[in-house]
């Protein structure tokens, strides 16, 4: 027996609404609706006596009196939140952003492997840890830099293979750009200089002090930038 057209339409509508019914707020709203409905039915049947100022406080009276409104408000809020979540999860721009973020995070973790093997072997263990920590911080900063995504991804991919030139070039560009903006951008420029110096430990230690001196010029109130000064004795 064929299913009537109206029934098919109702099934289609239900399929669209069904995912929203699992939202916790919607479920709570329906529970409240059921509770207040039963309470009202019991009152009408005379099974429960009506509340008076002597048998229930004003808050309880108001809560029970306005129960349906509260329940409907919770249900509507739940549907709205569920709709937002559904839209957010399937929005192409959001999905693209998540994919890019995940890919970038993966590149960052792989690029941090570059930091584990400083070429300068004269470090004591404490200084070596500081160098590795500063390098890892620079890798994270590279991923957050305000430069085109392809450039960041390329620099991170090269770092994973042991080539820091792309990353240093980006930090150098940020340093020059922020320095040119004036005093208001000095802290950002100093941070770029520190990151440049952190990477220089791995292939050209002669440039380390130059980078850190530049950072101190730009940010004299933070001379070591969180890096132990003992590191510089090995440059």
Protein backbone atom coordinates (compact mmCIF):
# COMPACT_ATOMS: atom_id res chain seq x y z
CA UNK A 1 0.00 0.00 0.00
CA UNK A 2 1.56 3.32 -1.06
CA UNK A 3 2.34 5.86 1.64
CA UNK A 4 0.22 9.05 1.34
CA UNK A 5 2.05 12.14 0.12
CA UNK A 6 1.20 14.06 3.29
CA UNK A 7 2.71 11.30 5.44
CA UNK A 8 5.91 11.36 3.38
CA UNK A 9 6.16 15.11 3.86
CA UNK A 10 5.66 14.73 7.61
CA UNK A 11 8.40 12.08 7.74
CA UNK A 12 10.75 14.38 5.82
CA UNK A 13 10.05 17.24 8.22
CA UNK A 14 10.62 14.97 11.22
CA UNK A 15 13.97 13.82 9.80
CA UNK A 16 15.06 17.43 9.59
CA UNK A 17 13.92 18.21 13.13
CA UNK A 18 15.03 14.95 14.78
CA UNK A 19 18.74 15.89 15.21
CA UNK A 20 17.72 18.94 17.24
CA UNK A 21 15.63 16.85 19.64
CA UNK A 22 18.78 15.28 21.10
CA UNK A 23 20.07 18.61 22.34
CA UNK A 24 20.23 18.54 26.19
CA UNK A 25 18.37 21.84 26.52
CA UNK A 26 15.53 20.60 24.33
CA UNK A 27 15.28 17.41 26.39
CA UNK A 28 15.26 19.39 29.64
CA UNK A 29 12.56 21.65 28.20
CA UNK A 30 10.34 18.68 27.33
CA UNK A 31 10.87 17.19 30.80
CA UNK A 32 9.82 20.50 32.34
CA UNK A 33 6.83 20.65 30.00
CA UNK A 34 5.81 17.16 31.08
CA UNK A 35 6.32 17.99 34.76
CA UNK A 36 4.25 21.16 34.65
CA UNK A 37 1.59 19.46 32.53
CA UNK A 38 1.20 16.65 35.07
CA UNK A 39 1.17 19.17 37.92
CA UNK A 40 -1.59 21.18 36.25
CA UNK A 41 -3.62 18.05 35.51
CA UNK A 42 -3.36 16.93 39.14
CA UNK A 43 -4.49 20.36 40.30
CA UNK A 44 -7.53 20.29 38.00
CA UNK A 45 -8.40 16.79 39.18
CA UNK A 46 -8.29 17.97 42.79
CA UNK A 47 -5.60 15.43 43.67
CA UNK A 48 -3.17 18.18 44.64
CA UNK A 49 -4.31 21.18 46.66
CA UNK A 50 -3.44 24.59 45.19
CA UNK A 51 -0.47 26.36 46.72
CA UNK A 52 -1.13 29.26 49.03
CA UNK A 53 1.27 31.70 50.70
CA UNK A 54 1.12 29.34 53.70
CA UNK A 55 1.87 26.11 51.81
CA UNK A 56 4.41 27.47 49.31
CA UNK A 57 6.64 30.47 48.99
CA UNK A 58 6.21 33.18 46.37
CA UNK A 59 9.14 31.87 44.32
CA UNK A 60 7.66 28.36 44.15
CA UNK A 61 4.24 29.76 43.28
CA UNK A 62 5.67 31.87 40.47
CA UNK A 63 7.74 28.94 39.21
CA UNK A 64 4.73 26.64 39.01
CA UNK A 65 2.44 29.33 37.58
CA UNK A 66 4.86 30.26 34.79
CA UNK A 67 6.12 26.71 34.27
CA UNK A 68 4.91 26.35 30.69
CA UNK A 69 6.53 29.61 29.66
CA UNK A 70 9.82 28.53 31.26
CA UNK A 71 9.68 25.12 29.58
CA UNK A 72 8.93 26.61 26.16
CA UNK A 73 11.74 29.13 26.58
CA UNK A 74 14.19 26.32 27.38
CA UNK A 75 13.01 24.31 24.36
CA UNK A 76 13.33 27.29 22.00
CA UNK A 77 16.78 28.04 23.39
CA UNK A 78 17.77 24.41 22.88
CA UNK A 79 16.53 24.39 19.28
CA UNK A 80 18.40 27.63 18.60
CA UNK A 81 21.63 26.30 20.06
CA UNK A 82 21.29 23.00 18.19
CA UNK A 83 20.67 24.85 14.92
CA UNK A 84 23.77 26.97 15.52
CA UNK A 85 25.88 23.88 16.22
CA UNK A 86 24.57 22.11 13.13
CA UNK A 87 25.25 25.11 10.94
CA UNK A 88 28.67 25.68 12.51
CA UNK A 89 29.73 22.07 11.97
CA UNK A 90 28.79 22.06 8.29
CA UNK A 91 29.73 25.59 7.29
CA UNK A 92 32.29 25.30 4.43
CA UNK A 93 34.36 28.20 5.72
CA UNK A 94 34.50 26.72 9.21
CA UNK A 95 35.43 23.29 7.86
CA UNK A 96 38.15 24.82 5.70
CA UNK A 97 39.52 26.77 8.65
CA UNK A 98 39.56 23.64 10.82
CA UNK A 99 41.37 21.68 8.13
CA UNK A 100 43.98 24.40 7.74
CA UNK A 101 44.44 24.66 11.51
CA UNK A 102 44.86 20.89 11.86
CA UNK A 103 47.38 20.80 9.03
CA UNK A 104 49.31 23.72 10.51
CA UNK A 105 49.36 22.10 13.96
CA UNK A 106 50.74 18.93 12.41
CA UNK A 107 53.48 20.88 10.64
CA UNK A 108 54.36 22.66 13.90
CA UNK A 109 54.77 19.38 15.78
CA UNK A 110 56.95 17.92 13.04
CA UNK A 111 59.01 21.12 12.76
CA UNK A 112 59.76 21.01 16.49
CA UNK A 113 61.90 17.97 15.76
CA UNK A 114 64.38 20.41 14.20
CA UNK A 115 64.92 21.93 17.65
CA UNK A 116 66.10 18.75 19.33
CA UNK A 117 69.62 18.75 17.93
CA UNK A 118 71.54 22.03 18.33
CA UNK A 119 74.77 21.92 16.32
CA UNK A 120 76.77 23.75 18.99
CA UNK A 121 78.06 20.97 21.23
CA UNK A 122 79.66 23.20 23.90
CA UNK A 123 76.36 23.81 25.69
CA UNK A 124 75.92 22.46 29.18
CA UNK A 125 72.64 20.64 29.74
CA UNK A 126 70.81 23.66 31.17
CA UNK A 127 71.82 25.94 28.29
CA UNK A 128 70.95 23.22 25.79
CA UNK A 129 67.43 22.97 27.22
CA UNK A 130 67.07 26.76 26.96
CA UNK A 131 68.13 26.70 23.31
CA UNK A 132 65.66 23.91 22.50
CA UNK A 133 62.88 25.71 24.38
CA UNK A 134 63.57 28.99 22.56
CA UNK A 135 63.57 27.17 19.22
CA UNK A 136 60.25 25.43 19.95
CA UNK A 137 58.78 28.80 20.93
CA UNK A 138 60.00 30.24 17.63
CA UNK A 139 58.34 27.39 15.71
CA UNK A 140 55.00 28.10 17.40
CA UNK A 141 55.43 31.84 16.74
CA UNK A 142 56.11 31.07 13.08
CA UNK A 143 52.76 29.30 12.78
CA UNK A 144 51.03 32.34 14.33
CA UNK A 145 52.85 34.96 12.26
CA UNK A 146 50.74 37.33 10.20
CA UNK A 147 52.08 36.13 6.85
CA UNK A 148 50.45 34.16 4.00
CA UNK A 149 49.61 30.56 4.92
CA UNK A 150 51.59 28.99 2.04
CA UNK A 151 54.76 30.77 3.20
CA UNK A 152 54.31 29.56 6.77
CA UNK A 153 53.60 26.00 5.69
CA UNK A 154 56.61 25.98 3.37
CA UNK A 155 58.90 27.32 6.11
CA UNK A 156 57.63 24.76 8.63
CA UNK A 157 58.00 21.91 6.14
CA UNK A 158 61.60 22.96 5.46
CA UNK A 159 62.32 23.16 9.20
CA UNK A 160 61.25 19.56 9.55
CA UNK A 161 63.93 18.69 6.97
CA UNK A 162 66.59 20.72 8.82
CA UNK A 163 66.45 23.89 6.71
CA UNK A 164 65.79 27.03 8.78
CA UNK A 165 66.37 29.57 6.00
CA UNK A 166 62.70 30.02 5.13
CA UNK A 167 61.69 30.48 8.77
CA UNK A 168 64.49 32.96 9.40
CA UNK A 169 63.56 34.91 6.29
CA UNK A 170 59.98 35.25 7.54
CA UNK A 171 61.10 36.41 10.99
CA UNK A 172 63.50 38.86 9.35
CA UNK A 173 60.65 40.25 7.26
CA UNK A 174 58.43 40.60 10.34
CA UNK A 175 61.29 42.28 12.23
CA UNK A 176 61.86 44.83 9.47
CA UNK A 177 58.14 45.47 8.98
CA UNK A 178 57.39 45.95 12.67
CA UNK A 179 60.51 48.07 13.22
CA UNK A 180 59.38 50.38 10.44
CA UNK A 181 55.98 50.84 12.08
CA UNK A 182 57.54 52.70 14.99
CA UNK A 183 57.62 52.44 18.76
CA UNK A 184 54.12 50.99 19.07
CA UNK A 185 55.28 47.80 17.35
CA UNK A 186 58.66 47.51 19.10
CA UNK A 187 57.63 44.57 21.28
CA UNK A 188 56.48 42.55 18.27
CA UNK A 189 59.67 43.44 16.42
CA UNK A 190 61.76 42.40 19.45
CA UNK A 191 59.95 39.06 19.62
CA UNK A 192 60.66 38.46 15.93
CA UNK A 193 64.35 39.25 16.58
CA UNK A 194 64.46 36.76 19.47
CA UNK A 195 62.87 34.07 17.31
CA UNK A 196 65.38 34.82 14.58
CA UNK A 197 68.19 34.44 17.12
CA UNK A 198 66.73 31.21 18.48
CA UNK A 199 66.88 29.61 15.03
CA UNK A 200 70.34 31.03 14.34
CA UNK A 201 71.77 28.79 17.10
CA UNK A 202 71.30 25.86 14.76
CA UNK A 203 73.31 26.95 11.73
CA UNK A 204 75.00 30.33 12.20
CA UNK A 205 75.77 31.22 15.80
CA UNK A 206 77.55 34.43 14.74
CA UNK A 207 74.13 35.93 14.01
CA UNK A 208 72.68 34.98 17.38
CA UNK A 209 74.09 37.90 19.37
CA UNK A 210 73.25 40.36 16.60
CA UNK A 211 69.62 39.23 16.70
CA UNK A 212 69.40 39.36 20.50
CA UNK A 213 71.13 42.74 20.66
CA UNK A 214 68.51 44.03 18.24
CA UNK A 215 65.80 42.58 20.47
CA UNK A 216 67.25 44.38 23.50
CA UNK A 217 67.35 47.67 21.59
CA UNK A 218 63.68 47.27 20.77
CA UNK A 219 62.62 45.95 24.18
CA UNK A 220 65.15 47.12 26.81
CA UNK A 221 62.84 46.18 29.69
CA UNK A 222 63.07 42.50 28.75
CA UNK A 223 66.77 41.99 27.97
CA UNK A 224 66.85 38.18 27.93
CA UNK A 225 63.37 37.64 26.51
CA UNK A 226 62.89 34.61 28.74
CA UNK A 227 66.10 32.93 27.55
CA UNK A 228 68.81 32.20 30.09
CA UNK A 229 71.75 34.57 29.73
CA UNK A 230 74.07 31.56 30.20
CA UNK A 231 73.31 30.58 26.62
CA UNK A 232 75.15 33.60 25.23
CA UNK A 233 78.46 32.54 26.76
CA UNK A 234 78.58 29.69 24.28
CA UNK A 235 78.12 31.83 21.19
